[in-house]
Amino acid sequence: MAVKLYKTGFEHAKKLVSEGQAVVDDRDAWSEHQPTAQEENEFIRVHGMAEYGKWHLGMDDEKPKETKGHYKFPYGDFKKVHRCAVLTAESRAGQYKYLDIETAAAHLHGMIEELARMHS
């Protein structure tokens, strides 16, 4: 599997966090906050696969671009970046030794923590 950092998604996430579009939620909240398959499909229907891809930190270049399977490591709910999703991505990327994705997620994690400090 050739999974690597999806720079477009990473840049989109950094932009959202810098604009304050981040949710400082609990580490284990992603299973509750994660979009359902139906919500993903509706987002793709309305916005297209390229926009869907922007909400992911990784991509698998062995899977077709026009499939959900091409995109890996989601970080938000199509509205905001979620700390729980970033932490999940950081942990999973580390497990699978995707160092570029792990580093990108760690960077986002730091940005979100800084945002939380500024607003506390």
PDB file of N, CA and C in Angstrom:
ATOM      1  N   MET A   1       0.851  -1.180   0.000  1.00  0.00           N
ATOM      2  CA  MET A   1       0.000   0.000   0.000  1.00  0.00           C
ATOM      3  C   MET A   1       0.891   1.235   0.000  1.00  0.00           C
ATOM      4  N   ALA A   2       0.685   2.107  -0.938  1.00  0.00           N
ATOM      5  CA  ALA A   2       1.501   3.311  -1.063  1.00  0.00           C
ATOM      6  C   ALA A   2       0.740   4.511  -0.493  1.00  0.00           C
ATOM      7  N   VAL A   3       0.688   4.586   0.827  1.00  0.00           N
ATOM      8  CA  VAL A   3      -0.008   5.690   1.490  1.00  0.00           C
ATOM      9  C   VAL A   3       1.008   6.774   1.806  1.00  0.00           C
ATOM     10  N   LYS A   4       0.653   8.009   1.462  1.00  0.00           N
ATOM     11  CA  LYS A   4       1.551   9.130   1.739  1.00  0.00           C
ATOM     12  C   LYS A   4       0.736  10.371   2.078  1.00  0.00           C
ATOM     13  N   LEU A   5       1.439  11.378   2.546  1.00  0.00           N
ATOM     14  CA  LEU A   5       0.796  12.632   2.923  1.00  0.00           C
ATOM     15  C   LEU A   5       0.088  13.244   1.723  1.00  0.00           C
ATOM     16  N   TYR A   6      -1.149  13.656   1.941  1.00  0.00           N
ATOM     17  CA  TYR A   6      -1.909  14.370   0.922  1.00  0.00           C
ATOM     18  C   TYR A   6      -1.778  15.857   1.246  1.00  0.00           C
ATOM     19  N   LYS A   7      -0.845  16.508   0.561  1.00  0.00           N
ATOM     20  CA  LYS A   7      -0.498  17.896   0.886  1.00  0.00           C
ATOM     21  C   LYS A   7      -1.690  18.843   0.773  1.00  0.00           C
ATOM     22  N   THR A   8      -2.570  18.614  -0.180  1.00  0.00           N
ATOM     23  CA  THR A   8      -3.756  19.465  -0.344  1.00  0.00           C
ATOM     24  C   THR A   8      -4.619  19.418   0.922  1.00  0.00           C
ATOM     25  N   GLY A   9      -4.812  18.213   1.451  1.00  0.00           N
ATOM     26  CA  GLY A   9      -5.592  18.061   2.680  1.00  0.00           C
ATOM     27  C   GLY A   9      -4.900  18.709   3.867  1.00  0.00           C
ATOM     28  N   PHE A  10      -3.587  18.538   3.963  1.00  0.00           N
ATOM     29  CA  PHE A  10      -2.821  19.121   5.061  1.00  0.00           C
ATOM     30  C   PHE A  10      -2.904  20.643   5.026  1.00  0.00           C
ATOM     31  N   GLU A  11      -2.737  21.226   3.854  1.00  0.00           N
ATOM     32  CA  GLU A  11      -2.813  22.690   3.715  1.00  0.00           C
ATOM     33  C   GLU A  11      -4.205  23.190   4.074  1.00  0.00           C
ATOM     34  N   HIS A  12      -5.229  22.471   3.643  1.00  0.00           N
ATOM     35  CA  HIS A  12      -6.616  22.841   3.958  1.00  0.00           C
ATOM     36  C   HIS A  12      -6.834  22.815   5.471  1.00  0.00           C
ATOM     37  N   ALA A  13      -6.336  21.777   6.133  1.00  0.00           N
ATOM     38  CA  ALA A  13      -6.482  21.656   7.587  1.00  0.00           C
ATOM     39  C   ALA A  13      -5.770  22.799   8.304  1.00  0.00           C
ATOM     40  N   LYS A  14      -4.546  23.117   7.882  1.00  0.00           N
ATOM     41  CA  LYS A  14      -3.803  24.207   8.521  1.00  0.00           C
ATOM     42  C   LYS A  14      -4.546  25.527   8.373  1.00  0.00           C
ATOM     43  N   LYS A  15      -5.107  25.761   7.193  1.00  0.00           N
ATOM     44  CA  LYS A  15      -5.862  26.990   6.939  1.00  0.00           C
ATOM     45  C   LYS A  15      -7.082  27.063   7.859  1.00  0.00           C
ATOM     46  N   LEU A  16      -7.826  25.970   7.963  1.00  0.00           N
ATOM     47  CA  LEU A  16      -9.007  25.941   8.825  1.00  0.00           C
ATOM     48  C   LEU A  16      -8.640  26.220  10.279  1.00  0.00           C
ATOM     49  N   VAL A  17      -7.605  25.566  10.777  1.00  0.00           N
ATOM     50  CA  VAL A  17      -7.210  25.760  12.176  1.00  0.00           C
ATOM     51  C   VAL A  17      -6.755  27.200  12.393  1.00  0.00           C
ATOM     52  N   SER A  18      -5.982  27.736  11.459  1.00  0.00           N
ATOM     53  CA  SER A  18      -5.510  29.117  11.625  1.00  0.00           C
ATOM     54  C   SER A  18      -6.665  30.118  11.605  1.00  0.00           C
ATOM     55  N   GLU A  19      -7.777  29.744  10.979  1.00  0.00           N
ATOM     56  CA  GLU A  19      -8.977  30.587  10.963  1.00  0.00           C
ATOM     57  C   GLU A  19      -9.883  30.311  12.163  1.00  0.00           C
ATOM     58  N   GLY A  20      -9.440  29.429  13.059  1.00  0.00           N
ATOM     59  CA  GLY A  20     -10.224  29.114  14.246  1.00  0.00           C
ATOM     60  C   GLY A  20     -11.316  28.089  14.012  1.00  0.00           C
ATOM     61  N   GLN A  21     -11.275  27.413  12.878  1.00  0.00           N
ATOM     62  CA  GLN A  21     -12.292  26.407  12.547  1.00  0.00           C
ATOM     63  C   GLN A  21     -11.864  25.036  13.061  1.00  0.00           C
ATOM     64  N   ALA A  22     -11.742  24.940  14.395  1.00  0.00           N
ATOM     65  CA  ALA A  22     -11.313  23.686  15.015  1.00  0.00           C
ATOM     66  C   ALA A  22     -12.145  23.437  16.265  1.00  0.00           C
ATOM     67  N   VAL A  23     -12.379  22.165  16.537  1.00  0.00           N
ATOM     68  CA  VAL A  23     -13.118  21.742  17.719  1.00  0.00           C
ATOM     69  C   VAL A  23     -12.117  21.088  18.669  1.00  0.00           C
ATOM     70  N   VAL A  24     -12.009  21.630  19.878  1.00  0.00           N
ATOM     71  CA  VAL A  24     -11.106  21.078  20.882  1.00  0.00           C
ATOM     72  C   VAL A  24     -11.916  20.077  21.707  1.00  0.00           C
ATOM     73  N   ASP A  25     -11.993  18.866  21.180  1.00  0.00           N
ATOM     74  CA  ASP A  25     -12.814  17.839  21.810  1.00  0.00           C
ATOM     75  C   ASP A  25     -11.934  16.778  22.469  1.00  0.00           C
ATOM     76  N   ASP A  26     -12.580  15.828  23.136  1.00  0.00           N
ATOM     77  CA  ASP A  26     -11.857  14.783  23.850  1.00  0.00           C
ATOM     78  C   ASP A  26     -11.220  13.792  22.884  1.00  0.00           C
ATOM     79  N   ARG A  27     -10.126  13.240  23.315  1.00  0.00           N
ATOM     80  CA  ARG A  27      -9.343  12.293  22.513  1.00  0.00           C
ATOM     81  C   ARG A  27     -10.197  11.180  21.909  1.00  0.00           C
ATOM     82  N   ASP A  28     -11.136  10.659  22.678  1.00  0.00           N
ATOM     83  CA  ASP A  28     -11.899   9.487  22.234  1.00  0.00           C
ATOM     84  C   ASP A  28     -13.232   9.828  21.574  1.00  0.00           C
ATOM     85  N   ALA A  29     -13.441  11.071  21.204  1.00  0.00           N
ATOM     86  CA  ALA A  29     -14.744  11.498  20.686  1.00  0.00           C
ATOM     87  C   ALA A  29     -14.926  11.252  19.183  1.00  0.00           C
ATOM     88  N   TRP A  30     -13.892  10.843  18.462  1.00  0.00           N
ATOM     89  CA  TRP A  30     -13.986  10.746  17.000  1.00  0.00           C
ATOM     90  C   TRP A  30     -15.058   9.770  16.544  1.00  0.00           C
ATOM     91  N   SER A  31     -15.246   8.674  17.261  1.00  0.00           N
ATOM     92  CA  SER A  31     -16.265   7.703  16.841  1.00  0.00           C
ATOM     93  C   SER A  31     -17.661   8.340  16.854  1.00  0.00           C
ATOM     94  N   GLU A  32     -17.866   9.334  17.724  1.00  0.00           N
ATOM     95  CA  GLU A  32     -19.148  10.032  17.767  1.00  0.00           C
ATOM     96  C   GLU A  32     -19.214  11.196  16.777  1.00  0.00           C
ATOM     97  N   HIS A  33     -18.083  11.845  16.525  1.00  0.00           N
ATOM     98  CA  HIS A  33     -18.058  13.043  15.686  1.00  0.00           C
ATOM     99  C   HIS A  33     -17.814  12.746  14.210  1.00  0.00           C
ATOM    100  N   GLN A  34     -17.306  11.577  13.928  1.00  0.00           N
ATOM    101  CA  GLN A  34     -16.953  11.197  12.560  1.00  0.00           C
ATOM    102  C   GLN A  34     -18.206  11.152  11.677  1.00  0.00           C
ATOM    103  N   PRO A  35     -18.121  11.730  10.468  1.00  0.00           N
ATOM    104  CA  PRO A  35     -19.280  11.646   9.563  1.00  0.00           C
ATOM    105  C   PRO A  35     -19.624  10.186   9.246  1.00  0.00           C
ATOM    106  N   THR A  36     -20.913   9.919   9.102  1.00  0.00           N
ATOM    107  CA  THR A  36     -21.351   8.573   8.713  1.00  0.00           C
ATOM    108  C   THR A  36     -21.068   8.375   7.230  1.00  0.00           C
ATOM    109  N   ALA A  37     -21.144   7.140   6.783  1.00  0.00           N
ATOM    110  CA  ALA A  37     -20.962   6.854   5.351  1.00  0.00           C
ATOM    111  C   ALA A  37     -21.998   7.622   4.535  1.00  0.00           C
ATOM    112  N   GLN A  38     -23.217   7.711   5.046  1.00  0.00           N
ATOM    113  CA  GLN A  38     -24.278   8.450   4.352  1.00  0.00           C
ATOM    114  C   GLN A  38     -23.930   9.943   4.255  1.00  0.00           C
ATOM    115  N   GLU A  39     -23.397  10.521   5.333  1.00  0.00           N
ATOM    116  CA  GLU A  39     -22.987  11.927   5.311  1.00  0.00           C
ATOM    117  C   GLU A  39     -21.823  12.141   4.347  1.00  0.00           C
ATOM    118  N   GLU A  40     -20.898  11.186   4.320  1.00  0.00           N
ATOM    119  CA  GLU A  40     -19.789  11.276   3.362  1.00  0.00           C
ATOM    120  C   GLU A  40     -20.315  11.253   1.929  1.00  0.00           C
ATOM    121  N   ASN A  41     -21.197  10.317   1.648  1.00  0.00           N
ATOM    122  CA  ASN A  41     -21.741  10.190   0.294  1.00  0.00           C
ATOM    123  C   ASN A  41     -22.500  11.448  -0.120  1.00  0.00           C
ATOM    124  N   GLU A  42     -23.260  12.027   0.791  1.00  0.00           N
ATOM    125  CA  GLU A  42     -24.001  13.258   0.495  1.00  0.00           C
ATOM    126  C   GLU A  42     -23.033  14.412   0.240  1.00  0.00           C
ATOM    127  N   PHE A  43     -21.964  14.499   1.026  1.00  0.00           N
ATOM    128  CA  PHE A  43     -20.959  15.546   0.820  1.00  0.00           C
ATOM    129  C   PHE A  43     -20.334  15.407  -0.569  1.00  0.00           C
ATOM    130  N   ILE A  44     -19.993  14.171  -0.937  1.00  0.00           N
ATOM    131  CA  ILE A  44     -19.409  13.921  -2.265  1.00  0.00           C
ATOM    132  C   ILE A  44     -20.405  14.277  -3.360  1.00  0.00           C
ATOM    133  N   ARG A  45     -21.668  13.926  -3.176  1.00  0.00           N
ATOM    134  CA  ARG A  45     -22.690  14.222  -4.179  1.00  0.00           C
ATOM    135  C   ARG A  45     -22.801  15.741  -4.397  1.00  0.00           C
ATOM    136  N   VAL A  46     -22.762  16.500  -3.319  1.00  0.00           N
ATOM    137  CA  VAL A  46     -22.935  17.957  -3.408  1.00  0.00           C
ATOM    138  C   VAL A  46     -21.645  18.664  -3.830  1.00  0.00           C
ATOM    139  N   HIS A  47     -20.502  18.234  -3.272  1.00  0.00           N
ATOM    140  CA  HIS A  47     -19.252  18.985  -3.443  1.00  0.00           C
ATOM    141  C   HIS A  47     -18.220  18.319  -4.345  1.00  0.00           C
ATOM    142  N   GLY A  48     -18.362  17.023  -4.578  1.00  0.00           N
ATOM    143  CA  GLY A  48     -17.406  16.319  -5.430  1.00  0.00           C
ATOM    144  C   GLY A  48     -16.290  15.642  -4.652  1.00  0.00           C
ATOM    145  N   MET A  49     -15.625  14.734  -5.325  1.00  0.00           N
ATOM    146  CA  MET A  49     -14.577  13.923  -4.695  1.00  0.00           C
ATOM    147  C   MET A  49     -13.352  14.767  -4.316  1.00  0.00           C
ATOM    148  N   ALA A  50     -13.006  15.776  -5.095  1.00  0.00           N
ATOM    149  CA  ALA A  50     -11.831  16.601  -4.777  1.00  0.00           C
ATOM    150  C   ALA A  50     -12.022  17.319  -3.441  1.00  0.00           C
ATOM    151  N   GLU A  51     -13.222  17.844  -3.203  1.00  0.00           N
ATOM    152  CA  GLU A  51     -13.503  18.507  -1.924  1.00  0.00           C
ATOM    153  C   GLU A  51     -13.483  17.498  -0.788  1.00  0.00           C
ATOM    154  N   TYR A  52     -14.019  16.320  -1.023  1.00  0.00           N
ATOM    155  CA  TYR A  52     -13.984  15.250  -0.024  1.00  0.00           C
ATOM    156  C   TYR A  52     -12.530  14.957   0.358  1.00  0.00           C
ATOM    157  N   GLY A  53     -11.682  14.872  -0.642  1.00  0.00           N
ATOM    158  CA  GLY A  53     -10.272  14.565  -0.406  1.00  0.00           C
ATOM    159  C   GLY A  53      -9.569  15.582   0.469  1.00  0.00           C
ATOM    160  N   LYS A  54      -9.993  16.842   0.387  1.00  0.00           N
ATOM    161  CA  LYS A  54      -9.364  17.896   1.186  1.00  0.00           C
ATOM    162  C   LYS A  54      -9.504  17.668   2.681  1.00  0.00           C
ATOM    163  N   TRP A  55     -10.404  16.798   3.076  1.00  0.00           N
ATOM    164  CA  TRP A  55     -10.653  16.532   4.495  1.00  0.00           C
ATOM    165  C   TRP A  55      -9.866  15.324   5.002  1.00  0.00           C
ATOM    166  N   HIS A  56      -8.781  14.985   4.307  1.00  0.00           N
ATOM    167  CA  HIS A  56      -7.956  13.833   4.667  1.00  0.00           C
ATOM    168  C   HIS A  56      -6.476  14.207   4.615  1.00  0.00           C
ATOM    169  N   LEU A  57      -5.688  13.599   5.501  1.00  0.00           N
ATOM    170  CA  LEU A  57      -4.258  13.869   5.538  1.00  0.00           C
ATOM    171  C   LEU A  57      -3.446  12.895   4.681  1.00  0.00           C
ATOM    172  N   GLY A  58      -4.069  11.795   4.277  1.00  0.00           N
ATOM    173  CA  GLY A  58      -3.332  10.807   3.507  1.00  0.00           C
ATOM    174  C   GLY A  58      -4.064  10.385   2.257  1.00  0.00           C
ATOM    175  N   MET A  59      -3.297   9.788   1.349  1.00  0.00           N
ATOM    176  CA  MET A  59      -3.901   9.213   0.147  1.00  0.00           C
ATOM    177  C   MET A  59      -3.153   7.944  -0.205  1.00  0.00           C
ATOM    178  N   ASP A  60      -3.894   7.034  -0.796  1.00  0.00           N
ATOM    179  CA  ASP A  60      -3.345   5.750  -1.218  1.00  0.00           C
ATOM    180  C   ASP A  60      -3.306   5.768  -2.743  1.00  0.00           C
ATOM    181  N   ASP A  61      -2.108   5.931  -3.303  1.00  0.00           N
ATOM    182  CA  ASP A  61      -2.024   6.082  -4.760  1.00  0.00           C
ATOM    183  C   ASP A  61      -2.226   4.768  -5.513  1.00  0.00           C
ATOM    184  N   GLU A  62      -2.472   3.688  -4.788  1.00  0.00           N
ATOM    185  CA  GLU A  62      -2.814   2.425  -5.444  1.00  0.00           C
ATOM    186  C   GLU A  62      -4.321   2.266  -5.626  1.00  0.00           C
ATOM    187  N   LYS A  63      -5.088   3.184  -5.045  1.00  0.00           N
ATOM    188  CA  LYS A  63      -6.553   3.154  -5.187  1.00  0.00           C
ATOM    189  C   LYS A  63      -6.982   4.285  -6.121  1.00  0.00           C
ATOM    190  N   PRO A  64      -8.036   4.075  -6.914  1.00  0.00           N
ATOM    191  CA  PRO A  64      -8.481   5.111  -7.858  1.00  0.00           C
ATOM    192  C   PRO A  64      -8.863   6.410  -7.149  1.00  0.00           C
ATOM    193  N   LYS A  65      -8.487   7.540  -7.777  1.00  0.00           N
ATOM    194  CA  LYS A  65      -8.751   8.863  -7.184  1.00  0.00           C
ATOM    195  C   LYS A  65     -10.228   9.134  -6.952  1.00  0.00           C
ATOM    196  N   GLU A  66     -11.063   8.576  -7.749  1.00  0.00           N
ATOM    197  CA  GLU A  66     -12.500   8.859  -7.635  1.00  0.00           C
ATOM    198  C   GLU A  66     -13.213   7.898  -6.686  1.00  0.00           C
ATOM    199  N   THR A  67     -12.458   7.338  -5.727  1.00  0.00           N
ATOM    200  CA  THR A  67     -13.071   6.460  -4.734  1.00  0.00           C
ATOM    201  C   THR A  67     -12.740   6.969  -3.331  1.00  0.00           C
ATOM    202  N   LYS A  68     -13.621   6.673  -2.394  1.00  0.00           N
ATOM    203  CA  LYS A  68     -13.367   7.072  -1.008  1.00  0.00           C
ATOM    204  C   LYS A  68     -12.125   6.371  -0.464  1.00  0.00           C
ATOM    205  N   GLY A  69     -11.851   5.174  -0.940  1.00  0.00           N
ATOM    206  CA  GLY A  69     -10.694   4.420  -0.477  1.00  0.00           C
ATOM    207  C   GLY A  69      -9.355   5.056  -0.799  1.00  0.00           C
ATOM    208  N   HIS A  70      -9.342   5.989  -1.754  1.00  0.00           N
ATOM    209  CA  HIS A  70      -8.103   6.691  -2.123  1.00  0.00           C
ATOM    210  C   HIS A  70      -7.623   7.591  -0.982  1.00  0.00           C
ATOM    211  N   TYR A  71      -8.567   8.095  -0.194  1.00  0.00           N
ATOM    212  CA  TYR A  71      -8.247   9.069   0.858  1.00  0.00           C
ATOM    213  C   TYR A  71      -8.226   8.396   2.226  1.00  0.00           C
ATOM    214  N   LYS A  72      -7.228   8.741   3.016  1.00  0.00           N
ATOM    215  CA  LYS A  72      -7.000   8.131   4.331  1.00  0.00           C
ATOM    216  C   LYS A  72      -6.818   9.226   5.379  1.00  0.00           C
ATOM    217  N   PHE A  73      -7.016   8.863   6.617  1.00  0.00           N
ATOM    218  CA  PHE A  73      -6.772   9.734   7.763  1.00  0.00           C
ATOM    219  C   PHE A  73      -7.614  11.018   7.734  1.00  0.00           C
ATOM    220  N   PRO A  74      -8.928  10.862   7.887  1.00  0.00           N
ATOM    221  CA  PRO A  74      -9.806  12.046   7.950  1.00  0.00           C
ATOM    222  C   PRO A  74      -9.511  12.859   9.209  1.00  0.00           C
ATOM    223  N   TYR A  75      -9.709  14.171   9.117  1.00  0.00           N
ATOM    224  CA  TYR A  75      -9.409  15.027  10.271  1.00  0.00           C
ATOM    225  C   TYR A  75     -10.565  15.934  10.680  1.00  0.00           C
ATOM    226  N   GLY A  76     -11.725  15.807  10.037  1.00  0.00           N
ATOM    227  CA  GLY A  76     -12.821  16.693  10.410  1.00  0.00           C
ATOM    228  C   GLY A  76     -14.159  16.212   9.900  1.00  0.00           C
ATOM    229  N   ASP A  77     -15.156  17.046  10.135  1.00  0.00           N
ATOM    230  CA  ASP A  77     -16.548  16.683   9.838  1.00  0.00           C
ATOM    231  C   ASP A  77     -17.126  17.457   8.650  1.00  0.00           C
ATOM    232  N   PHE A  78     -16.263  17.949   7.764  1.00  0.00           N
ATOM    233  CA  PHE A  78     -16.634  18.747   6.587  1.00  0.00           C
ATOM    234  C   PHE A  78     -17.021  20.175   6.954  1.00  0.00           C
ATOM    235  N   LYS A  79     -16.872  20.518   8.245  1.00  0.00           N
ATOM    236  CA  LYS A  79     -17.098  21.893   8.688  1.00  0.00           C
ATOM    237  C   LYS A  79     -15.887  22.410   9.453  1.00  0.00           C
ATOM    238  N   LYS A  80     -15.413  21.587  10.388  1.00  0.00           N
ATOM    239  CA  LYS A  80     -14.296  21.973  11.244  1.00  0.00           C
ATOM    240  C   LYS A  80     -13.330  20.812  11.431  1.00  0.00           C
ATOM    241  N   VAL A  81     -12.098  21.179  11.792  1.00  0.00           N
ATOM    242  CA  VAL A  81     -11.088  20.196  12.158  1.00  0.00           C
ATOM    243  C   VAL A  81     -11.391  19.757  13.597  1.00  0.00           C
ATOM    244  N   HIS A  82     -11.333  18.471  13.854  1.00  0.00           N
ATOM    245  CA  HIS A  82     -11.577  17.947  15.202  1.00  0.00           C
ATOM    246  C   HIS A  82     -10.273  17.436  15.800  1.00  0.00           C
ATOM    247  N   ARG A  83      -9.970  17.906  17.011  1.00  0.00           N
ATOM    248  CA  ARG A  83      -8.761  17.437  17.684  1.00  0.00           C
ATOM    249  C   ARG A  83      -8.767  15.911  17.806  1.00  0.00           C
ATOM    250  N   CYS A  84      -9.925  15.322  18.122  1.00  0.00           N
ATOM    251  CA  CYS A  84      -9.998  13.870  18.284  1.00  0.00           C
ATOM    252  C   CYS A  84      -9.603  13.145  16.992  1.00  0.00           C
ATOM    253  N   ALA A  85      -9.984  13.697  15.848  1.00  0.00           N
ATOM    254  CA  ALA A  85      -9.630  13.077  14.564  1.00  0.00           C
ATOM    255  C   ALA A  85      -8.142  13.222  14.287  1.00  0.00           C
ATOM    256  N   VAL A  86      -7.590  14.390  14.613  1.00  0.00           N
ATOM    257  CA  VAL A  86      -6.158  14.624  14.418  1.00  0.00           C
ATOM    258  C   VAL A  86      -5.349  13.674  15.305  1.00  0.00           C
ATOM    259  N   LEU A  87      -5.788  13.500  16.556  1.00  0.00           N
ATOM    260  CA  LEU A  87      -5.085  12.585  17.464  1.00  0.00           C
ATOM    261  C   LEU A  87      -5.177  11.143  16.966  1.00  0.00           C
ATOM    262  N   THR A  88      -6.337  10.755  16.460  1.00  0.00           N
ATOM    263  CA  THR A  88      -6.506   9.414  15.904  1.00  0.00           C
ATOM    264  C   THR A  88      -5.580   9.221  14.704  1.00  0.00           C
ATOM    265  N   ALA A  89      -5.536  10.216  13.812  1.00  0.00           N
ATOM    266  CA  ALA A  89      -4.665  10.141  12.632  1.00  0.00           C
ATOM    267  C   ALA A  89      -3.198  10.056  13.047  1.00  0.00           C
ATOM    268  N   GLU A  90      -2.818  10.872  14.026  1.00  0.00           N
ATOM    269  CA  GLU A  90      -1.430  10.880  14.496  1.00  0.00           C
ATOM    270  C   GLU A  90      -1.045   9.500  15.038  1.00  0.00           C
ATOM    271  N   SER A  91      -1.908   8.923  15.845  1.00  0.00           N
ATOM    272  CA  SER A  91      -1.652   7.616  16.446  1.00  0.00           C
ATOM    273  C   SER A  91      -1.608   6.512  15.394  1.00  0.00           C
ATOM    274  N   ARG A  92      -2.594   6.473  14.517  1.00  0.00           N
ATOM    275  CA  ARG A  92      -2.654   5.422  13.492  1.00  0.00           C
ATOM    276  C   ARG A  92      -1.495   5.534  12.510  1.00  0.00           C
ATOM    277  N   ALA A  93      -1.152   6.759  12.125  1.00  0.00           N
ATOM    278  CA  ALA A  93      -0.036   6.946  11.193  1.00  0.00           C
ATOM    279  C   ALA A  93       1.262   6.452  11.834  1.00  0.00           C
ATOM    280  N   GLY A  94       1.415   6.704  13.131  1.00  0.00           N
ATOM    281  CA  GLY A  94       2.595   6.211  13.841  1.00  0.00           C
ATOM    282  C   GLY A  94       2.644   4.694  13.876  1.00  0.00           C
ATOM    283  N   GLN A  95       1.486   4.074  14.120  1.00  0.00           N
ATOM    284  CA  GLN A  95       1.405   2.604  14.155  1.00  0.00           C
ATOM    285  C   GLN A  95       1.875   1.996  12.838  1.00  0.00           C
ATOM    286  N   TYR A  96       1.462   2.619  11.725  1.00  0.00           N
ATOM    287  CA  TYR A  96       1.762   2.070  10.395  1.00  0.00           C
ATOM    288  C   TYR A  96       3.041   2.639   9.791  1.00  0.00           C
ATOM    289  N   LYS A  97       3.755   3.455  10.568  1.00  0.00           N
ATOM    290  CA  LYS A  97       5.033   4.045  10.134  1.00  0.00           C
ATOM    291  C   LYS A  97       4.881   4.976   8.925  1.00  0.00           C
ATOM    292  N   TYR A  98       3.763   5.695   8.847  1.00  0.00           N
ATOM    293  CA  TYR A  98       3.586   6.740   7.832  1.00  0.00           C
ATOM    294  C   TYR A  98       4.073   8.036   8.461  1.00  0.00           C
ATOM    295  N   LEU A  99       5.403   8.209   8.474  1.00  0.00           N
ATOM    296  CA  LEU A  99       6.003   9.298   9.241  1.00  0.00           C
ATOM    297  C   LEU A  99       5.587  10.679   8.747  1.00  0.00           C
ATOM    298  N   ASP A 100       5.400  10.840   7.433  1.00  0.00           N
ATOM    299  CA  ASP A 100       4.998  12.149   6.911  1.00  0.00           C
ATOM    300  C   ASP A 100       3.600  12.528   7.401  1.00  0.00           C
ATOM    301  N   ILE A 101       2.711  11.550   7.451  1.00  0.00           N
ATOM    302  CA  ILE A 101       1.348  11.807   7.932  1.00  0.00           C
ATOM    303  C   ILE A 101       1.363  12.018   9.440  1.00  0.00           C
ATOM    304  N   GLU A 102       2.146  11.215  10.155  1.00  0.00           N
ATOM    305  CA  GLU A 102       2.251  11.372  11.609  1.00  0.00           C
ATOM    306  C   GLU A 102       2.775  12.771  11.957  1.00  0.00           C
ATOM    307  N   THR A 103       3.782  13.236  11.229  1.00  0.00           N
ATOM    308  CA  THR A 103       4.364  14.553  11.465  1.00  0.00           C
ATOM    309  C   THR A 103       3.352  15.659  11.165  1.00  0.00           C
ATOM    310  N   ALA A 104       2.607  15.512  10.076  1.00  0.00           N
ATOM    311  CA  ALA A 104       1.586  16.505   9.721  1.00  0.00           C
ATOM    312  C   ALA A 104       0.494  16.567  10.783  1.00  0.00           C
ATOM    313  N   ALA A 105       0.052  15.403  11.261  1.00  0.00           N
ATOM    314  CA  ALA A 105      -0.978  15.360  12.301  1.00  0.00           C
ATOM    315  C   ALA A 105      -0.449  15.973  13.596  1.00  0.00           C
ATOM    316  N   ALA A 106       0.802  15.705  13.934  1.00  0.00           N
ATOM    317  CA  ALA A 106       1.402  16.288  15.135  1.00  0.00           C
ATOM    318  C   ALA A 106       1.457  17.816  15.015  1.00  0.00           C
ATOM    319  N   HIS A 107       1.758  18.311  13.832  1.00  0.00           N
ATOM    320  CA  HIS A 107       1.774  19.764  13.593  1.00  0.00           C
ATOM    321  C   HIS A 107       0.381  20.357  13.828  1.00  0.00           C
ATOM    322  N   LEU A 108      -0.641  19.716  13.260  1.00  0.00           N
ATOM    323  CA  LEU A 108      -2.019  20.179  13.457  1.00  0.00           C
ATOM    324  C   LEU A 108      -2.412  20.113  14.932  1.00  0.00           C
ATOM    325  N   HIS A 109      -2.012  19.049  15.594  1.00  0.00           N
ATOM    326  CA  HIS A 109      -2.292  18.878  17.016  1.00  0.00           C
ATOM    327  C   HIS A 109      -1.724  20.081  17.785  1.00  0.00           C
ATOM    328  N   GLY A 110      -0.494  20.444  17.494  1.00  0.00           N
ATOM    329  CA  GLY A 110       0.131  21.601  18.137  1.00  0.00           C
ATOM    330  C   GLY A 110      -0.621  22.886  17.853  1.00  0.00           C
ATOM    331  N   MET A 111      -1.042  23.063  16.607  1.00  0.00           N
ATOM    332  CA  MET A 111      -1.813  24.268  16.244  1.00  0.00           C
ATOM    333  C   MET A 111      -3.125  24.337  17.023  1.00  0.00           C
ATOM    334  N   ILE A 112      -3.806  23.200  17.165  1.00  0.00           N
ATOM    335  CA  ILE A 112      -5.085  23.155  17.871  1.00  0.00           C
ATOM    336  C   ILE A 112      -4.872  23.439  19.363  1.00  0.00           C
ATOM    337  N   GLU A 113      -3.805  22.866  19.938  1.00  0.00           N
ATOM    338  CA  GLU A 113      -3.518  23.117  21.352  1.00  0.00           C
ATOM    339  C   GLU A 113      -3.232  24.607  21.575  1.00  0.00           C
ATOM    340  N   GLU A 114      -2.518  25.231  20.662  1.00  0.00           N
ATOM    341  CA  GLU A 114      -2.228  26.664  20.760  1.00  0.00           C
ATOM    342  C   GLU A 114      -3.538  27.465  20.692  1.00  0.00           C
ATOM    343  N   LEU A 115      -4.408  27.077  19.787  1.00  0.00           N
ATOM    344  CA  LEU A 115      -5.711  27.733  19.666  1.00  0.00           C
ATOM    345  C   LEU A 115      -6.496  27.595  20.973  1.00  0.00           C
ATOM    346  N   ALA A 116      -6.470  26.419  21.565  1.00  0.00           N
ATOM    347  CA  ALA A 116      -7.175  26.177  22.832  1.00  0.00           C
ATOM    348  C   ALA A 116      -6.608  27.060  23.941  1.00  0.00           C
ATOM    349  N   ARG A 117      -5.283  27.198  23.989  1.00  0.00           N
ATOM    350  CA  ARG A 117      -4.640  28.048  25.010  1.00  0.00           C
ATOM    351  C   ARG A 117      -5.052  29.507  24.831  1.00  0.00           C
ATOM    352  N   MET A 118      -5.134  29.947  23.598  1.00  0.00           N
ATOM    353  CA  MET A 118      -5.496  31.342  23.318  1.00  0.00           C
ATOM    354  C   MET A 118      -6.923  31.647  23.748  1.00  0.00           C
ATOM    355  N   HIS A 119      -7.793  30.635  23.718  1.00  0.00           N
ATOM    356  CA  HIS A 119      -9.214  30.845  24.025  1.00  0.00           C
ATOM    357  C   HIS A 119      -9.598  30.402  25.431  1.00  0.00           C
ATOM    358  N   SER A 120      -8.598  30.060  26.255  1.00  0.00           N
ATOM    359  CA  SER A 120      -8.962  29.617  27.602  1.00  0.00           C
ATOM    360  C   SER A 120      -8.732  30.710  28.622  1.00  0.00           C
TER     361      SER A 120
END
